[in-house]
N, C-alpha and C. Protein backbone atom coordinates (compact mmCIF):
# COMPACT_ATOMS: atom_id res chain seq x y z
N UNK A 1 -5.43 -48.05 -3.91
CA UNK A 1 -6.16 -47.78 -5.14
C UNK A 1 -5.15 -47.53 -6.26
N UNK A 2 -5.37 -48.10 -7.42
CA UNK A 2 -4.44 -47.93 -8.54
C UNK A 2 -4.35 -46.46 -8.97
N UNK A 3 -3.18 -46.11 -9.42
CA UNK A 3 -2.94 -44.73 -9.87
C UNK A 3 -3.78 -44.44 -11.12
N UNK A 4 -4.34 -43.22 -11.19
CA UNK A 4 -5.14 -42.83 -12.34
C UNK A 4 -6.63 -43.04 -12.16
N UNK A 5 -7.03 -43.71 -11.13
CA UNK A 5 -8.47 -43.92 -10.89
C UNK A 5 -9.00 -42.83 -10.00
N UNK A 6 -10.19 -42.42 -10.26
CA UNK A 6 -10.82 -41.36 -9.47
C UNK A 6 -11.49 -41.98 -8.24
N UNK A 7 -11.23 -41.40 -7.09
CA UNK A 7 -11.84 -41.88 -5.86
C UNK A 7 -13.26 -41.37 -5.69
N UNK A 8 -13.53 -40.22 -6.23
CA UNK A 8 -14.85 -39.60 -6.06
C UNK A 8 -15.42 -39.21 -7.42
N UNK A 9 -15.95 -40.15 -8.16
CA UNK A 9 -16.49 -39.81 -9.48
C UNK A 9 -17.71 -38.92 -9.40
N UNK A 10 -18.38 -38.89 -8.28
CA UNK A 10 -19.57 -38.06 -8.14
C UNK A 10 -19.23 -36.57 -8.16
N UNK A 11 -17.97 -36.22 -7.81
CA UNK A 11 -17.58 -34.81 -7.86
C UNK A 11 -17.63 -34.28 -9.30
N UNK A 12 -17.15 -35.06 -10.22
CA UNK A 12 -17.20 -34.65 -11.62
C UNK A 12 -18.63 -34.53 -12.12
N UNK A 13 -19.46 -35.45 -11.71
CA UNK A 13 -20.86 -35.40 -12.10
C UNK A 13 -21.56 -34.18 -11.49
N UNK A 14 -21.25 -33.91 -10.22
CA UNK A 14 -21.81 -32.74 -9.55
C UNK A 14 -21.40 -31.45 -10.27
N UNK A 15 -20.13 -31.37 -10.65
CA UNK A 15 -19.66 -30.19 -11.36
C UNK A 15 -20.32 -30.08 -12.73
N UNK A 16 -20.46 -31.19 -13.41
CA UNK A 16 -21.06 -31.20 -14.73
C UNK A 16 -22.52 -30.75 -14.69
N UNK A 17 -23.23 -31.10 -13.64
CA UNK A 17 -24.62 -30.68 -13.49
C UNK A 17 -24.72 -29.25 -12.96
N UNK A 18 -23.84 -28.91 -12.03
CA UNK A 18 -23.92 -27.59 -11.37
C UNK A 18 -23.40 -26.44 -12.20
N UNK A 19 -22.41 -26.69 -13.05
CA UNK A 19 -21.81 -25.59 -13.79
C UNK A 19 -22.79 -24.87 -14.71
N UNK A 20 -23.66 -25.53 -15.47
CA UNK A 20 -24.61 -24.78 -16.29
C UNK A 20 -25.53 -23.87 -15.47
N UNK A 21 -25.87 -24.30 -14.27
CA UNK A 21 -26.71 -23.46 -13.40
C UNK A 21 -25.93 -22.22 -12.99
N UNK A 22 -24.70 -22.39 -12.57
CA UNK A 22 -23.86 -21.25 -12.18
C UNK A 22 -23.66 -20.33 -13.37
N UNK A 23 -23.40 -20.90 -14.53
CA UNK A 23 -23.19 -20.09 -15.73
C UNK A 23 -24.43 -19.27 -16.08
N UNK A 24 -25.61 -19.85 -15.92
CA UNK A 24 -26.85 -19.11 -16.19
C UNK A 24 -26.98 -17.92 -15.24
N UNK A 25 -26.67 -18.12 -13.96
CA UNK A 25 -26.72 -17.01 -13.00
C UNK A 25 -25.70 -15.93 -13.35
N UNK A 26 -24.49 -16.33 -13.74
CA UNK A 26 -23.47 -15.36 -14.09
C UNK A 26 -23.85 -14.57 -15.34
N UNK A 27 -24.43 -15.22 -16.32
CA UNK A 27 -24.86 -14.51 -17.52
C UNK A 27 -25.95 -13.50 -17.20
N UNK A 28 -26.89 -13.90 -16.34
CA UNK A 28 -27.96 -12.98 -15.95
C UNK A 28 -27.38 -11.77 -15.21
N UNK A 29 -26.40 -12.01 -14.36
CA UNK A 29 -25.74 -10.92 -13.63
C UNK A 29 -25.01 -9.98 -14.59
N UNK A 30 -24.32 -10.55 -15.56
CA UNK A 30 -23.60 -9.76 -16.55
C UNK A 30 -24.56 -8.85 -17.32
N UNK A 31 -25.68 -9.39 -17.71
CA UNK A 31 -26.68 -8.61 -18.44
C UNK A 31 -27.26 -7.51 -17.56
N UNK A 32 -27.53 -7.82 -16.30
CA UNK A 32 -28.11 -6.84 -15.38
C UNK A 32 -27.15 -5.66 -15.16
N UNK A 33 -25.88 -5.96 -14.94
CA UNK A 33 -24.89 -4.89 -14.74
C UNK A 33 -24.73 -4.09 -16.04
N UNK A 34 -24.72 -4.77 -17.17
CA UNK A 34 -24.61 -4.09 -18.46
C UNK A 34 -25.77 -3.15 -18.72
N UNK A 35 -26.97 -3.58 -18.36
CA UNK A 35 -28.14 -2.72 -18.54
C UNK A 35 -28.06 -1.49 -17.64
N UNK A 36 -27.58 -1.67 -16.42
CA UNK A 36 -27.43 -0.54 -15.52
C UNK A 36 -26.43 0.47 -16.09
N UNK A 37 -25.30 -0.04 -16.58
CA UNK A 37 -24.29 0.85 -17.16
C UNK A 37 -24.84 1.55 -18.41
N UNK A 38 -25.59 0.82 -19.22
CA UNK A 38 -26.17 1.39 -20.43
C UNK A 38 -27.14 2.53 -20.09
N UNK A 39 -27.90 2.34 -19.02
CA UNK A 39 -28.86 3.36 -18.60
C UNK A 39 -28.17 4.62 -18.08
N UNK A 40 -26.90 4.53 -17.76
CA UNK A 40 -26.15 5.68 -17.26
C UNK A 40 -25.31 6.34 -18.35
N UNK A 41 -25.53 5.97 -19.59
CA UNK A 41 -24.68 6.44 -20.69
C UNK A 41 -24.70 7.95 -20.85
N UNK A 42 -25.86 8.57 -20.73
CA UNK A 42 -25.94 10.03 -20.91
C UNK A 42 -25.13 10.77 -19.85
N UNK A 43 -25.23 10.30 -18.62
CA UNK A 43 -24.48 10.93 -17.52
C UNK A 43 -22.99 10.68 -17.73
N UNK A 44 -22.63 9.48 -18.18
CA UNK A 44 -21.23 9.16 -18.43
C UNK A 44 -20.67 10.02 -19.57
N UNK A 45 -21.47 10.26 -20.59
CA UNK A 45 -21.02 11.12 -21.69
C UNK A 45 -20.75 12.53 -21.19
N UNK A 46 -21.58 13.00 -20.28
CA UNK A 46 -21.38 14.34 -19.70
C UNK A 46 -20.06 14.40 -18.94
N UNK A 47 -19.76 13.38 -18.16
CA UNK A 47 -18.50 13.39 -17.42
C UNK A 47 -17.31 13.26 -18.38
N UNK A 48 -17.47 12.50 -19.47
CA UNK A 48 -16.41 12.42 -20.47
C UNK A 48 -16.16 13.79 -21.11
N UNK A 49 -17.23 14.50 -21.39
CA UNK A 49 -17.11 15.84 -21.97
C UNK A 49 -16.35 16.75 -21.02
N UNK A 50 -16.71 16.71 -19.74
CA UNK A 50 -16.05 17.58 -18.76
C UNK A 50 -14.57 17.20 -18.61
N UNK A 51 -14.27 15.90 -18.63
CA UNK A 51 -12.87 15.46 -18.56
C UNK A 51 -12.10 15.95 -19.77
N UNK A 52 -12.68 15.78 -20.95
CA UNK A 52 -12.01 16.23 -22.17
C UNK A 52 -11.81 17.74 -22.16
N UNK A 53 -12.77 18.45 -21.61
CA UNK A 53 -12.66 19.90 -21.52
C UNK A 53 -11.45 20.29 -20.68
N UNK A 54 -11.21 19.56 -19.61
CA UNK A 54 -10.07 19.87 -18.74
C UNK A 54 -8.74 19.44 -19.35
N UNK A 55 -8.76 18.43 -20.23
CA UNK A 55 -7.51 17.90 -20.76
C UNK A 55 -7.14 18.39 -22.15
N UNK A 56 -8.09 18.95 -22.88
CA UNK A 56 -7.79 19.49 -24.20
C UNK A 56 -6.95 20.76 -24.01
N UNK A 57 -5.82 20.86 -24.68
CA UNK A 57 -4.90 21.98 -24.41
C UNK A 57 -5.53 23.37 -24.51
N UNK A 58 -6.29 23.63 -25.54
CA UNK A 58 -6.87 24.97 -25.71
C UNK A 58 -7.87 25.29 -24.60
N UNK A 59 -8.78 24.36 -24.36
CA UNK A 59 -9.79 24.58 -23.33
C UNK A 59 -9.17 24.63 -21.94
N UNK A 60 -8.18 23.77 -21.70
CA UNK A 60 -7.53 23.76 -20.38
C UNK A 60 -6.82 25.08 -20.11
N UNK A 61 -6.24 25.65 -21.14
CA UNK A 61 -5.57 26.94 -20.97
C UNK A 61 -6.58 28.02 -20.58
N UNK A 62 -7.71 28.03 -21.26
CA UNK A 62 -8.76 29.01 -20.93
C UNK A 62 -9.26 28.82 -19.50
N UNK A 63 -9.43 27.57 -19.10
CA UNK A 63 -9.89 27.29 -17.74
C UNK A 63 -8.89 27.79 -16.71
N UNK A 64 -7.60 27.60 -16.98
CA UNK A 64 -6.58 28.08 -16.03
C UNK A 64 -6.56 29.61 -16.00
N UNK A 65 -6.68 30.23 -17.17
CA UNK A 65 -6.64 31.69 -17.23
C UNK A 65 -7.79 32.29 -16.42
N UNK A 66 -8.98 31.73 -16.58
CA UNK A 66 -10.16 32.27 -15.90
C UNK A 66 -10.36 31.70 -14.49
N UNK A 67 -9.47 30.82 -14.07
CA UNK A 67 -9.53 30.28 -12.71
C UNK A 67 -10.73 29.36 -12.49
N UNK A 68 -11.12 28.64 -13.50
CA UNK A 68 -12.32 27.79 -13.39
C UNK A 68 -12.00 26.30 -13.25
N UNK A 69 -10.73 25.97 -13.07
CA UNK A 69 -10.33 24.57 -13.02
C UNK A 69 -10.96 23.85 -11.82
N UNK A 70 -10.97 24.48 -10.66
CA UNK A 70 -11.59 23.85 -9.48
C UNK A 70 -13.09 23.62 -9.71
N UNK A 71 -13.74 24.58 -10.33
CA UNK A 71 -15.17 24.44 -10.62
C UNK A 71 -15.41 23.25 -11.56
N UNK A 72 -14.56 23.17 -12.60
CA UNK A 72 -14.72 22.07 -13.56
C UNK A 72 -14.44 20.72 -12.92
N UNK A 73 -13.44 20.64 -12.08
CA UNK A 73 -13.13 19.38 -11.41
C UNK A 73 -14.30 18.95 -10.53
N UNK A 74 -14.90 19.89 -9.81
CA UNK A 74 -16.06 19.56 -8.98
C UNK A 74 -17.23 19.08 -9.83
N UNK A 75 -17.47 19.74 -10.94
CA UNK A 75 -18.55 19.32 -11.85
C UNK A 75 -18.29 17.93 -12.41
N UNK A 76 -17.02 17.66 -12.81
CA UNK A 76 -16.67 16.35 -13.33
C UNK A 76 -16.88 15.27 -12.28
N UNK A 77 -16.40 15.51 -11.07
CA UNK A 77 -16.54 14.51 -10.02
C UNK A 77 -18.00 14.21 -9.72
N UNK A 78 -18.83 15.24 -9.65
CA UNK A 78 -20.25 15.05 -9.40
C UNK A 78 -20.90 14.24 -10.52
N UNK A 79 -20.58 14.59 -11.75
CA UNK A 79 -21.15 13.89 -12.90
C UNK A 79 -20.68 12.45 -12.98
N UNK A 80 -19.39 12.24 -12.75
CA UNK A 80 -18.84 10.89 -12.83
C UNK A 80 -19.42 9.99 -11.74
N UNK A 81 -19.54 10.51 -10.53
CA UNK A 81 -20.13 9.72 -9.45
C UNK A 81 -21.60 9.41 -9.73
N UNK A 82 -22.31 10.37 -10.30
CA UNK A 82 -23.72 10.13 -10.63
C UNK A 82 -23.85 9.00 -11.66
N UNK A 83 -22.88 8.88 -12.53
CA UNK A 83 -22.91 7.81 -13.54
C UNK A 83 -22.49 6.47 -12.94
N UNK A 84 -21.53 6.47 -12.03
CA UNK A 84 -20.94 5.22 -11.55
C UNK A 84 -21.63 4.63 -10.32
N UNK A 85 -22.22 5.44 -9.47
CA UNK A 85 -22.80 4.90 -8.23
C UNK A 85 -23.89 3.86 -8.47
N UNK A 86 -24.79 4.03 -9.45
CA UNK A 86 -25.75 2.95 -9.71
C UNK A 86 -25.07 1.65 -10.16
N UNK A 87 -24.01 1.76 -10.92
CA UNK A 87 -23.28 0.57 -11.37
C UNK A 87 -22.61 -0.09 -10.16
N UNK A 88 -22.01 0.71 -9.29
CA UNK A 88 -21.37 0.15 -8.10
C UNK A 88 -22.38 -0.55 -7.20
N UNK A 89 -23.56 0.06 -7.06
CA UNK A 89 -24.60 -0.58 -6.23
C UNK A 89 -25.02 -1.91 -6.85
N UNK A 90 -25.11 -1.95 -8.16
CA UNK A 90 -25.51 -3.18 -8.85
C UNK A 90 -24.46 -4.26 -8.68
N UNK A 91 -23.19 -3.87 -8.64
CA UNK A 91 -22.10 -4.83 -8.57
C UNK A 91 -21.56 -5.05 -7.17
N UNK A 92 -22.27 -4.64 -6.15
CA UNK A 92 -21.73 -4.71 -4.79
C UNK A 92 -21.24 -6.13 -4.46
N UNK A 93 -20.10 -6.24 -3.77
CA UNK A 93 -19.45 -7.53 -3.58
C UNK A 93 -20.17 -8.52 -2.67
N UNK A 94 -21.08 -8.11 -1.82
CA UNK A 94 -21.72 -9.03 -0.90
C UNK A 94 -22.85 -9.85 -1.51
N UNK A 95 -23.11 -9.66 -2.79
CA UNK A 95 -24.24 -10.36 -3.42
C UNK A 95 -23.97 -11.85 -3.52
N UNK A 96 -24.99 -12.67 -3.36
CA UNK A 96 -24.82 -14.13 -3.40
C UNK A 96 -24.23 -14.66 -4.70
N UNK A 97 -24.43 -13.97 -5.81
CA UNK A 97 -23.91 -14.47 -7.09
C UNK A 97 -22.38 -14.53 -7.06
N UNK A 98 -21.74 -13.59 -6.36
CA UNK A 98 -20.29 -13.61 -6.28
C UNK A 98 -19.80 -14.80 -5.45
N UNK A 99 -20.52 -15.10 -4.39
CA UNK A 99 -20.15 -16.27 -3.57
C UNK A 99 -20.33 -17.55 -4.39
N UNK A 100 -21.42 -17.63 -5.12
CA UNK A 100 -21.68 -18.81 -5.94
C UNK A 100 -20.60 -18.98 -7.00
N UNK A 101 -20.21 -17.90 -7.62
CA UNK A 101 -19.18 -17.97 -8.65
C UNK A 101 -17.84 -18.41 -8.05
N UNK A 102 -17.50 -17.87 -6.90
CA UNK A 102 -16.23 -18.23 -6.27
C UNK A 102 -16.22 -19.69 -5.85
N UNK A 103 -17.30 -20.13 -5.27
CA UNK A 103 -17.36 -21.52 -4.83
C UNK A 103 -17.33 -22.48 -6.01
N UNK A 104 -17.95 -22.08 -7.12
CA UNK A 104 -17.97 -22.97 -8.29
C UNK A 104 -16.57 -23.10 -8.90
N UNK A 105 -15.73 -22.10 -8.72
CA UNK A 105 -14.36 -22.16 -9.25
C UNK A 105 -13.39 -22.76 -8.24
N UNK A 106 -13.89 -23.05 -7.05
CA UNK A 106 -13.02 -23.64 -6.03
C UNK A 106 -12.16 -22.65 -5.29
N UNK A 107 -12.51 -21.35 -5.34
CA UNK A 107 -11.74 -20.35 -4.64
C UNK A 107 -12.07 -20.36 -3.16
N UNK A 108 -11.11 -19.98 -2.32
CA UNK A 108 -11.43 -19.84 -0.91
C UNK A 108 -12.43 -18.71 -0.72
N UNK A 109 -13.40 -18.91 0.16
CA UNK A 109 -14.48 -17.94 0.32
C UNK A 109 -13.96 -16.60 0.80
N UNK A 110 -12.92 -16.56 1.60
CA UNK A 110 -12.37 -15.31 2.10
C UNK A 110 -11.74 -14.45 1.02
N UNK A 111 -11.41 -15.05 -0.12
CA UNK A 111 -10.77 -14.29 -1.21
C UNK A 111 -11.75 -13.47 -2.01
N UNK A 112 -13.04 -13.74 -1.89
CA UNK A 112 -14.06 -13.04 -2.66
C UNK A 112 -14.26 -11.66 -2.06
N UNK A 113 -14.26 -10.65 -2.89
CA UNK A 113 -14.51 -9.28 -2.45
C UNK A 113 -13.27 -8.62 -1.87
N UNK A 114 -12.14 -9.29 -1.91
CA UNK A 114 -10.90 -8.71 -1.37
C UNK A 114 -10.24 -7.84 -2.40
């Protein structure tokens, strides 16, 4: 076969037809994860407040003086996990959309979720 000629022109056509479908699924997934994160904004703000409380010099000094640092760390961890666990569940790696995305990019299937 002469150099420069495609042996399998149907592969390009398959990709041209399949890519918009994959892209639509990926956009829907992006929106779904974004909505989940948006719904957790109040809890995330609470964990940000607790983190800032521990890291702001004046407040951190007071926390150390009164021995409340362990209490604050526990509160922060509980608040942060409450904000992030729904997002993690939404983005779990075993979902078919991740396999579809990896296959559409030509990645080896074993590399997904690693």
